[in-house]
Amino acid sequence: MRKILLSFDGTHYSRGAFNFASSMNDEEPILLTGAFLPQVDFASSWSYAGGGGTVYIPLLESYDADIVAANIRKFQEDCVRHNIEHRVHRDFSSFALPELQKESRYADLMILGSQRFYENLGLENPNEYLRDALHDAECPVLIAPEEFDYPETVVLAYDGSSASVYAIKQFAYLFPELCRNQCILVYAGKKEGKGIPDEDYIRELVARHFSDLTFYELEANPRDYFSTWISDLDRPILVSGAFGRSGFSQIFKRSFASDVIAEKQFPVFIAHR
């Protein structure tokens, strides 16, 4: 049984995030922990400049406790309706992100709603608070839009790095049921025509986990059309490696993952050491 952490910011309930967890439970029973983080005051936020530091946003002195309580009831009722074993955590103090980081340490996977997680904190998508949650998480993270179809095609973003291989392995361990679906390992090289790095090694690994596997090498400057390409696939999920402040890999630049999250069409699985 997998322990799944479902994180909500105080007044926003992500139906998409819950639906993904529910679909996981349909495949194999899970323990679902709902973490209800307090609302924050964006106007009083501050962060370390230049990267390397975590953004800390102070909690509002008084957020709408009635809305939070209603969301907790909704979560509990949804879990009972879908026969999901569940827990509720809401004892967060000082700053929400360090507490969420600790929660992720004791989970196999964290699910966040890309459109509802602190959606009031700015126009960028993913917003800075969501980016920091991804960066600081101590378990893999699944980013779910509010409206999506449960994945039928798995897209593995591979750049030859240890980070991309780590993400592929974590996905295979956590979602063996999805490994039976169509899978496309996508490589985008810095120089067109150079081939997939360590191709024999990565083929040996992924073929052990994914039964319907295709390798695909994108052309130069693939970001220009990656979103269109993945949109043509049947109900995809993107699997990517480390998600830092400047992107999730050196080759995929700023990145495909950011674009897919921003477009709110497909789930994105992100794992880093």
Protein backbone atom coordinates (compact mmCIF):
# COMPACT_ATOMS: atom_id res chain seq x y z
CA MET A 1 0.00 0.00 0.00
CA ARG A 2 1.32 3.44 -0.98
CA LYS A 3 1.03 6.49 1.28
CA ILE A 4 -0.13 9.45 -0.79
CA LEU A 5 0.02 13.03 0.49
CA LEU A 6 -2.68 15.31 -0.92
CA SER A 7 -1.89 18.95 -0.14
CA PHE A 8 -4.42 21.77 -0.17
CA ASP A 9 -3.85 25.40 0.68
CA GLY A 10 -6.36 26.48 3.29
CA THR A 11 -9.34 27.77 1.32
CA HIS A 12 -8.87 25.96 -2.01
CA TYR A 13 -9.97 22.38 -2.62
CA SER A 14 -8.52 20.75 -5.73
CA ARG A 15 -11.01 18.32 -7.21
CA GLY A 16 -8.46 17.33 -9.87
CA ALA A 17 -5.85 16.34 -7.28
CA PHE A 18 -8.38 14.27 -5.35
CA ASN A 19 -9.62 12.57 -8.51
CA PHE A 20 -6.11 11.45 -9.39
CA ALA A 21 -5.66 9.95 -5.92
CA SER A 22 -9.04 8.26 -6.20
CA SER A 23 -8.07 6.69 -9.53
CA MET A 24 -4.88 5.38 -7.93
CA ASN A 25 -6.97 3.82 -5.17
CA ASP A 26 -9.15 2.12 -7.79
CA GLU A 27 -6.04 0.38 -9.12
CA GLU A 28 -4.61 -0.53 -5.70
CA PRO A 29 -5.69 0.64 -2.21
CA ILE A 30 -3.75 3.62 -0.85
CA LEU A 31 -3.51 5.54 2.41
CA LEU A 32 -4.43 9.13 1.55
CA THR A 33 -3.30 11.90 3.91
CA GLY A 34 -4.94 15.29 3.40
CA ALA A 35 -2.66 18.14 4.45
CA PHE A 36 -4.59 21.40 4.86
CA LEU A 37 -2.13 24.29 4.83
CA PRO A 38 -3.09 27.71 6.17
CA GLN A 39 -3.78 30.65 3.91
CA VAL A 40 -0.91 33.11 3.43
CA ASP A 41 -0.55 36.85 2.97
CA PHE A 42 1.06 37.44 -0.42
CA ALA A 43 1.33 41.18 0.17
CA SER A 44 3.73 40.56 3.07
CA SER A 45 5.79 37.87 1.32
CA TRP A 46 9.56 37.96 1.04
CA SER A 47 12.16 35.70 -0.46
CA TYR A 48 15.89 35.29 -0.90
CA ALA A 49 17.12 36.81 -4.12
CA GLY A 50 19.21 35.04 -6.69
CA GLY A 51 18.09 31.48 -6.01
CA GLY A 52 19.28 29.00 -3.45
CA GLY A 53 16.89 30.13 -0.74
CA THR A 54 13.37 29.08 -0.01
CA VAL A 55 10.50 31.52 -0.36
CA TYR A 56 8.77 31.99 3.00
CA ILE A 57 5.37 33.63 3.02
CA PRO A 58 3.86 34.55 6.38
CA LEU A 59 0.54 33.10 7.40
CA LEU A 60 -2.52 35.29 7.60
CA GLU A 61 -3.43 36.03 11.19
CA SER A 62 -7.01 35.10 10.48
CA TYR A 63 -7.96 33.05 7.45
CA ASP A 64 -11.41 31.68 6.84
CA ALA A 65 -11.56 28.79 9.30
CA ASP A 66 -15.09 27.92 8.22
CA ILE A 67 -13.97 27.34 4.61
CA VAL A 68 -11.03 25.20 5.76
CA ALA A 69 -13.33 23.14 7.99
CA ALA A 70 -15.76 22.71 5.08
CA ASN A 71 -12.93 21.53 2.82
CA ILE A 72 -11.80 19.00 5.43
CA ARG A 73 -15.36 17.66 5.65
CA LYS A 74 -15.50 17.49 1.85
CA PHE A 75 -12.22 15.55 1.78
CA GLN A 76 -13.42 13.10 4.43
CA GLU A 77 -16.77 12.60 2.70
CA ASP A 78 -15.06 12.04 -0.66
CA CYS A 79 -12.72 9.47 0.88
CA VAL A 80 -15.60 7.59 2.49
CA ARG A 81 -17.59 7.68 -0.77
CA HIS A 82 -14.65 6.21 -2.70
CA ASN A 83 -13.66 3.75 0.03
CA ILE A 84 -10.23 5.35 0.58
CA GLU A 85 -8.37 4.91 3.87
CA HIS A 86 -7.46 8.44 4.93
CA ARG A 87 -5.97 10.77 7.52
CA VAL A 88 -6.21 14.55 8.01
CA HIS A 89 -3.26 16.77 8.98
CA ARG A 90 -3.80 20.47 9.67
CA ASP A 91 -1.42 21.39 12.52
CA PHE A 92 0.88 23.76 10.63
CA SER A 93 2.71 26.65 12.28
CA SER A 94 5.07 29.50 11.43
CA PHE A 95 5.63 28.82 7.70
CA ALA A 96 3.69 26.37 5.57
CA LEU A 97 6.43 25.20 3.21
CA PRO A 98 8.83 23.71 5.80
CA GLU A 99 5.90 21.84 7.32
CA LEU A 100 4.89 20.56 3.89
CA GLN A 101 8.47 19.46 3.27
CA LYS A 102 8.36 17.40 6.46
CA GLU A 103 5.04 15.86 5.43
CA SER A 104 6.56 14.86 2.06
CA ARG A 105 9.45 13.12 3.85
CA TYR A 106 7.01 10.53 5.16
CA ALA A 107 5.05 9.95 1.94
CA ASP A 108 5.61 7.91 -1.20
CA LEU A 109 4.05 10.56 -3.41
CA MET A 110 2.63 14.08 -3.03
CA ILE A 111 -0.21 15.27 -5.25
CA LEU A 112 -0.82 18.98 -5.82
CA GLY A 113 -3.50 20.74 -7.85
CA SER A 114 -1.69 22.96 -10.35
CA GLN A 115 -4.57 25.43 -10.64
CA ARG A 116 -5.70 25.56 -7.01
CA PHE A 117 -2.49 25.47 -4.96
CA TYR A 118 -2.12 29.01 -3.58
CA GLU A 119 -3.70 30.30 -6.77
CA ASN A 120 -3.93 33.81 -5.34
CA LEU A 121 -0.14 34.24 -5.25
CA GLY A 122 0.52 35.78 -8.63
CA LEU A 123 0.03 35.44 -12.35
CA GLU A 124 2.91 33.08 -13.14
CA ASN A 125 1.93 29.47 -13.62
CA PRO A 126 3.28 27.54 -11.87
CA ASN A 127 3.43 30.28 -9.22
CA GLU A 128 6.51 30.72 -7.05
CA TYR A 129 4.96 28.92 -4.09
CA LEU A 130 4.15 25.86 -6.20
CA ARG A 131 7.68 25.95 -7.64
CA ASP A 132 9.15 25.98 -4.13
CA ALA A 133 6.92 23.10 -3.05
CA LEU A 134 8.24 21.09 -6.01
CA HIS A 135 11.83 22.09 -5.31
CA ASP A 136 11.73 21.27 -1.58
CA ALA A 137 9.63 18.08 -1.68
CA GLU A 138 11.34 14.99 -0.29
CA CYS A 139 9.21 12.59 -2.33
CA PRO A 140 8.06 12.56 -5.95
CA VAL A 141 5.29 15.03 -6.81
CA LEU A 142 2.32 14.63 -9.13
CA ILE A 143 0.89 17.89 -10.48
CA ALA A 144 -2.76 17.49 -11.50
CA PRO A 145 -4.89 19.98 -13.43
CA GLU A 146 -8.54 20.34 -12.46
CA GLU A 147 -9.85 18.69 -15.63
CA PHE A 148 -8.01 15.72 -17.17
CA ASP A 149 -8.38 12.10 -18.18
CA TYR A 150 -6.50 9.47 -16.20
CA PRO A 151 -3.30 8.71 -18.17
CA GLU A 152 -3.19 6.18 -20.96
CA THR A 153 0.14 7.29 -22.46
CA VAL A 154 3.34 7.78 -20.46
CA VAL A 155 5.93 10.27 -21.77
CA LEU A 156 9.38 9.82 -20.22
CA ALA A 157 11.55 12.94 -20.61
CA TYR A 158 15.14 11.68 -20.92
CA ASP A 159 18.27 13.77 -21.38
CA GLY A 160 20.96 11.27 -20.38
CA SER A 161 21.27 12.72 -16.87
CA SER A 162 21.04 10.79 -13.62
CA ALA A 163 18.10 13.05 -12.66
CA SER A 164 16.00 11.95 -15.63
CA VAL A 165 16.80 8.27 -15.02
CA TYR A 166 15.94 8.64 -11.33
CA ALA A 167 12.51 10.09 -12.22
CA ILE A 168 11.81 7.23 -14.63
CA LYS A 169 12.65 4.63 -11.97
CA GLN A 170 10.54 6.36 -9.32
CA PHE A 171 7.57 6.49 -11.66
CA ALA A 172 7.94 2.79 -12.47
CA TYR A 173 8.08 1.88 -8.78
CA LEU A 174 5.04 3.99 -7.88
CA PHE A 175 2.84 3.32 -10.92
CA PRO A 176 3.39 -0.25 -12.10
CA GLU A 177 -0.17 -0.29 -13.43
CA LEU A 178 0.57 2.63 -15.80
CA CYS A 179 3.75 0.91 -17.02
CA ARG A 180 1.51 -1.44 -19.00
CA ASN A 181 0.21 1.49 -21.07
CA GLN A 182 1.79 2.94 -24.17
CA CYS A 183 5.09 4.59 -23.22
CA ILE A 184 7.26 6.99 -25.23
CA LEU A 185 10.78 7.82 -24.10
CA VAL A 186 11.52 11.27 -25.52
CA TYR A 187 15.06 12.55 -25.97
CA ALA A 188 15.95 16.12 -26.93
CA GLY A 189 19.65 16.46 -27.67
CA LYS A 190 21.74 19.62 -27.72
CA LYS A 191 22.91 18.67 -31.21
CA GLU A 192 20.57 17.10 -33.70
CA GLY A 193 21.52 13.67 -34.98
CA LYS A 194 23.93 12.77 -32.18
CA GLY A 195 21.71 9.96 -30.97
CA ILE A 196 20.36 9.05 -27.55
CA PRO A 197 23.10 9.00 -24.87
CA ASP A 198 23.75 5.64 -23.18
CA GLU A 199 21.02 4.22 -25.35
CA ASP A 200 21.81 0.57 -24.63
CA TYR A 201 21.71 1.21 -20.88
CA ILE A 202 18.43 3.12 -20.85
CA ARG A 203 16.81 0.59 -23.18
CA GLU A 204 17.82 -2.24 -20.84
CA LEU A 205 16.30 -0.41 -17.87
CA VAL A 206 13.01 0.87 -19.25
CA ALA A 207 12.23 -2.33 -21.14
CA ARG A 208 12.13 -4.13 -17.79
CA HIS A 209 9.31 -1.87 -16.59
CA PHE A 210 7.39 -0.67 -19.67
CA SER A 211 5.91 -3.32 -21.93
CA ASP A 212 4.72 -1.06 -24.81
CA LEU A 213 7.77 1.13 -25.38
CA THR A 214 8.79 3.54 -28.15
CA PHE A 215 11.91 5.71 -28.38
CA TYR A 216 11.59 9.13 -29.96
CA GLU A 217 14.26 11.76 -30.61
CA LEU A 218 12.97 15.31 -30.92
CA GLU A 219 14.43 17.67 -33.48
CA ALA A 220 16.47 20.78 -32.67
CA ASN A 221 14.74 23.47 -30.57
CA PRO A 222 11.99 21.04 -29.57
CA ARG A 223 10.36 23.36 -27.04
CA ASP A 224 8.81 25.29 -29.90
CA TYR A 225 6.47 22.42 -30.67
CA PHE A 226 6.66 20.04 -27.69
CA SER A 227 3.28 21.13 -26.29
CA THR A 228 1.62 20.51 -29.65
CA TRP A 229 3.31 17.13 -29.97
CA ILE A 230 2.26 15.90 -26.53
CA SER A 231 -1.28 17.24 -27.05
CA ASP A 232 -1.69 14.85 -29.97
CA LEU A 233 -1.08 11.84 -27.71
CA ASP A 234 -3.87 9.87 -26.07
CA ARG A 235 -4.30 11.06 -22.46
CA PRO A 236 -0.61 11.63 -21.65
CA ILE A 237 1.31 12.07 -18.41
CA LEU A 238 4.77 13.68 -18.49
CA VAL A 239 7.55 12.20 -16.33
CA SER A 240 10.46 14.57 -15.67
CA GLY A 241 13.52 14.87 -13.50
CA ALA A 242 14.75 17.56 -11.10
CA PHE A 243 12.65 20.71 -10.93
CA GLY A 244 14.89 23.55 -9.77
CA ARG A 245 14.29 27.28 -9.88
CA SER A 246 15.66 27.58 -13.42
CA GLY A 247 14.13 24.47 -14.94
CA PHE A 248 14.06 20.70 -14.63
CA SER A 249 17.19 19.87 -16.65
CA GLN A 250 19.96 21.49 -18.64
CA ILE A 251 18.71 20.15 -21.96
CA PHE A 252 15.00 20.69 -21.46
CA LYS A 253 15.79 24.23 -20.27
CA ARG A 254 13.10 26.30 -18.60
CA SER A 255 11.19 23.82 -19.29
CA PHE A 256 8.76 21.42 -20.93
CA ALA A 257 7.43 20.60 -17.46
CA SER A 258 6.69 24.27 -16.76
CA ASP A 259 4.90 24.62 -20.08
CA VAL A 260 2.73 21.55 -19.56
CA ILE A 261 1.84 22.63 -16.00
CA ALA A 262 0.96 26.13 -17.23
CA GLU A 263 -1.31 24.81 -19.97
CA LYS A 264 -3.31 22.80 -17.39
CA GLN A 265 -4.09 19.90 -19.69
CA PHE A 266 -2.12 16.89 -18.44
CA PRO A 267 -0.67 15.51 -15.20
CA VAL A 268 3.07 15.93 -14.65
CA PHE A 269 5.18 13.60 -12.48
CA ILE A 270 8.36 15.17 -11.07
CA ALA A 271 11.04 13.42 -9.00
CA HIS A 272 14.43 14.58 -7.78
CA ARG A 273 16.91 13.33 -5.24
